[in-house]
Amino acid sequence: MQPAPATATPPSDLDAWLAAEEQQLALMERGAGPGVAPRALALSLDGLTLLQRVLAGELPFASIARTLDFMLVEVAAGRAVFQGRPGPTLLNPMGGIHGGWYATLLDSALGCAVHTMMPAGRAYTTAELSVNLVRAIPPALPRVRAIGTVVHCGRQLATAEGRLVGPDGTLYAHGTTTCLVFEMPSK
């Protein structure tokens, strides 16, 4: 019996995550930078198109992403993925990653998942956010991802659920949101 031919080791999820992050950082560096999309433009675009343009570096990304070391890395209809870097600047007084960081990362993924479902001229705001921390993120873990998925999107309410996971699939937190949906004021 002949031994199986040697094959290259498939890349780990972390390798793929880091490659996606490097690509996204390059777009952000030569793009619009942090800020807010012009209101008239935001009113004219559906939510998915707006977020795709943020990913392409054509529109500003949220400033909080730099402050808390995370970024949007994927969007699709009803789905948004944020990637974050846990680290020493995010530690609570007991030496763990602060729970507010978990919540902010999940809130961003959940809200942007809802945003992908908004037609032009419609917006949302978080009315309720529930986060369950199920495991401490080790400060040495290189990255985590918050994956938000829309459960329901109606004329007045939208709901989404999300998971905060490591590259090996370990679950660190999960959450849900209820968002109020409304016509975006023109001024």
Protein backbone atom coordinates (compact mmCIF):
# COMPACT_ATOMS: atom_id res chain seq x y z
CA MET A 1 0.00 0.00 0.00
CA GLN A 2 1.34 3.38 -0.99
CA PRO A 3 1.35 6.16 1.63
CA ALA A 4 -0.99 9.01 0.95
CA PRO A 5 0.73 11.93 -0.77
CA ALA A 6 1.73 14.74 1.53
CA THR A 7 -0.66 17.65 1.41
CA ALA A 8 -0.26 21.15 2.67
CA THR A 9 -1.84 21.80 6.02
CA PRO A 10 -5.06 23.71 5.46
CA PRO A 11 -5.00 27.22 6.86
CA SER A 12 -6.57 27.62 10.29
CA ASP A 13 -9.53 29.89 10.83
CA LEU A 14 -7.13 32.28 12.58
CA ASP A 15 -4.97 32.45 9.44
CA ALA A 16 -8.06 33.24 7.35
CA TRP A 17 -9.23 35.80 9.93
CA LEU A 18 -5.85 37.54 9.97
CA ALA A 19 -5.72 37.62 6.16
CA ALA A 20 -9.23 39.14 6.02
CA GLU A 21 -8.21 41.70 8.64
CA GLU A 22 -5.06 42.66 6.74
CA GLN A 23 -7.08 43.13 3.56
CA GLN A 24 -9.69 45.22 5.40
CA LEU A 25 -7.05 47.35 7.12
CA ALA A 26 -5.51 48.15 3.72
CA LEU A 27 -8.91 49.35 2.44
CA MET A 28 -9.46 51.40 5.59
CA GLU A 29 -6.02 53.01 5.38
CA ARG A 30 -6.55 54.31 1.86
CA GLY A 31 -10.28 54.91 2.34
CA ALA A 32 -12.44 57.54 3.96
CA GLY A 33 -11.14 56.91 7.51
CA PRO A 34 -13.24 57.14 10.68
CA GLY A 35 -16.35 59.27 10.76
CA VAL A 36 -19.98 59.39 9.67
CA ALA A 37 -21.43 59.08 6.16
CA PRO A 38 -22.99 62.31 4.88
CA ARG A 39 -26.67 62.35 5.88
CA ALA A 40 -28.04 62.88 2.35
CA LEU A 41 -26.02 59.92 1.10
CA ALA A 42 -27.06 57.74 4.05
CA LEU A 43 -30.71 58.58 3.29
CA SER A 44 -30.30 57.58 -0.35
CA LEU A 45 -28.70 54.15 0.19
CA ASP A 46 -30.16 50.93 1.49
CA GLY A 47 -28.35 49.58 4.56
CA LEU A 48 -26.56 46.72 2.81
CA THR A 49 -25.15 49.02 0.12
CA LEU A 50 -24.04 51.55 2.72
CA LEU A 51 -22.17 48.90 4.74
CA GLN A 52 -20.64 47.38 1.60
CA ARG A 53 -19.31 50.84 0.75
CA VAL A 54 -17.89 51.15 4.28
CA LEU A 55 -16.12 47.81 3.78
CA ALA A 56 -14.79 49.00 0.41
CA GLY A 57 -13.31 52.08 2.12
CA GLU A 58 -15.59 54.41 0.13
CA LEU A 59 -17.47 55.62 3.21
CA PRO A 60 -16.19 56.29 6.74
CA PHE A 61 -16.11 53.54 9.33
CA ALA A 62 -17.29 54.14 12.91
CA SER A 63 -14.66 55.82 15.09
CA ILE A 64 -15.39 53.44 17.99
CA ALA A 65 -13.79 50.66 15.93
CA ARG A 66 -10.38 52.28 16.39
CA THR A 67 -11.03 53.11 20.02
CA LEU A 68 -11.94 49.53 20.95
CA ASP A 69 -9.77 47.69 18.39
CA PHE A 70 -12.39 45.94 16.28
CA MET A 71 -13.63 46.18 12.69
CA LEU A 72 -16.39 45.17 10.35
CA VAL A 73 -15.08 42.35 8.14
CA GLU A 74 -18.18 40.93 6.40
CA VAL A 75 -21.71 41.92 5.49
CA ALA A 76 -24.52 40.19 3.61
CA ALA A 77 -28.27 40.54 3.71
CA GLY A 78 -29.25 39.87 7.33
CA ARG A 79 -25.69 39.20 8.50
CA ALA A 80 -22.72 41.19 9.81
CA VAL A 81 -19.38 40.03 11.19
CA PHE A 82 -17.01 42.08 13.33
CA GLN A 83 -13.52 40.99 14.31
CA GLY A 84 -11.82 42.23 17.46
CA ARG A 85 -8.43 42.04 19.11
CA PRO A 86 -8.63 41.37 22.86
CA GLY A 87 -5.67 42.89 24.59
CA PRO A 88 -4.26 44.68 27.61
CA THR A 89 -6.08 47.98 26.94
CA LEU A 90 -9.40 46.15 27.39
CA LEU A 91 -8.73 44.60 30.80
CA ASN A 92 -11.00 45.14 33.78
CA PRO A 93 -9.49 45.61 37.29
CA MET A 94 -9.44 41.82 37.80
CA GLY A 95 -7.32 41.23 34.69
CA GLY A 96 -10.03 39.87 32.39
CA ILE A 97 -11.35 41.33 29.15
CA HIS A 98 -14.04 43.82 30.17
CA GLY A 99 -17.61 42.58 29.68
CA GLY A 100 -18.54 45.88 28.07
CA TRP A 101 -16.20 45.02 25.19
CA TYR A 102 -18.04 41.73 24.62
CA ALA A 103 -21.33 43.68 24.64
CA THR A 104 -20.07 46.42 22.29
CA LEU A 105 -18.74 43.90 19.78
CA LEU A 106 -22.02 41.96 19.84
CA ASP A 107 -24.11 45.15 19.70
CA SER A 108 -22.18 46.24 16.61
CA ALA A 109 -22.67 42.90 14.81
CA LEU A 110 -26.35 42.69 15.78
CA GLY A 111 -27.13 46.28 14.81
CA CYS A 112 -25.27 46.11 11.51
CA ALA A 113 -27.02 42.82 10.65
CA VAL A 114 -30.31 44.70 11.11
CA HIS A 115 -28.92 47.66 9.15
CA THR A 116 -28.33 45.39 6.11
CA MET A 117 -32.11 44.91 5.94
CA MET A 118 -33.02 48.62 5.91
CA PRO A 119 -34.31 50.09 2.65
CA ALA A 120 -33.19 53.58 1.70
CA GLY A 121 -34.62 56.18 4.08
CA ARG A 122 -35.20 53.71 6.92
CA ALA A 123 -33.09 53.43 10.07
CA TYR A 124 -33.07 51.61 13.39
CA THR A 125 -31.98 52.07 16.96
CA THR A 126 -31.27 49.46 19.60
CA ALA A 127 -34.17 49.22 22.05
CA GLU A 128 -32.96 46.18 23.96
CA LEU A 129 -29.67 44.33 24.11
CA SER A 130 -29.15 41.11 26.03
CA VAL A 131 -25.68 39.60 26.35
CA ASN A 132 -24.71 36.34 28.03
CA LEU A 133 -21.01 35.94 28.79
CA VAL A 134 -20.34 32.21 28.97
CA ARG A 135 -16.55 32.07 29.10
CA ALA A 136 -13.69 34.47 29.78
CA ILE A 137 -11.74 35.55 26.71
CA PRO A 138 -8.08 34.83 27.43
CA PRO A 139 -6.18 38.14 27.07
CA ALA A 140 -3.62 36.32 24.89
CA LEU A 141 -6.26 35.15 22.37
CA PRO A 142 -5.33 36.93 19.14
CA ARG A 143 -8.84 37.56 17.75
CA VAL A 144 -12.54 36.94 18.29
CA ARG A 145 -15.49 37.40 15.97
CA ALA A 146 -19.00 38.62 16.65
CA ILE A 147 -21.43 37.20 14.11
CA GLY A 148 -24.87 38.81 13.99
CA THR A 149 -27.85 37.35 12.12
CA VAL A 150 -31.30 38.84 11.67
CA VAL A 151 -34.15 36.73 13.02
CA HIS A 152 -36.99 39.08 12.04
CA CYS A 153 -37.16 42.42 10.29
CA GLY A 154 -40.52 44.13 10.14
CA ARG A 155 -41.80 47.63 9.55
CA GLN A 156 -41.45 48.69 13.20
CA LEU A 157 -39.32 46.05 14.94
CA ALA A 158 -36.31 43.93 14.06
CA THR A 159 -34.62 41.22 16.09
CA ALA A 160 -31.22 39.62 15.70
CA GLU A 161 -29.08 37.06 17.47
CA GLY A 162 -25.33 36.78 17.65
CA ARG A 163 -22.38 34.78 18.88
CA LEU A 164 -18.91 35.88 19.97
CA VAL A 165 -16.45 33.12 19.05
CA GLY A 166 -12.76 32.38 18.84
CA PRO A 167 -10.98 31.05 15.75
CA ASP A 168 -11.41 27.48 16.99
CA GLY A 169 -15.17 27.95 17.38
CA THR A 170 -15.11 28.40 21.17
CA LEU A 171 -18.17 30.36 22.28
CA TYR A 172 -17.39 33.28 24.60
CA ALA A 173 -20.75 35.07 24.59
CA HIS A 174 -24.08 35.18 22.81
CA GLY A 175 -26.74 37.82 22.64
CA THR A 176 -29.91 39.18 21.14
CA THR A 177 -31.25 42.58 20.24
CA THR A 178 -34.58 44.19 19.55
CA CYS A 179 -34.39 47.28 17.37
CA LEU A 180 -36.97 49.95 16.65
CA VAL A 181 -37.27 50.62 12.91
CA PHE A 182 -38.34 54.06 11.67
CA GLU A 183 -38.19 56.57 8.81
CA MET A 184 -34.89 58.42 8.98
CA PRO A 185 -35.52 62.15 9.52
CA SER A 186 -34.18 64.24 6.64
CA LYS A 187 -32.58 66.72 9.08
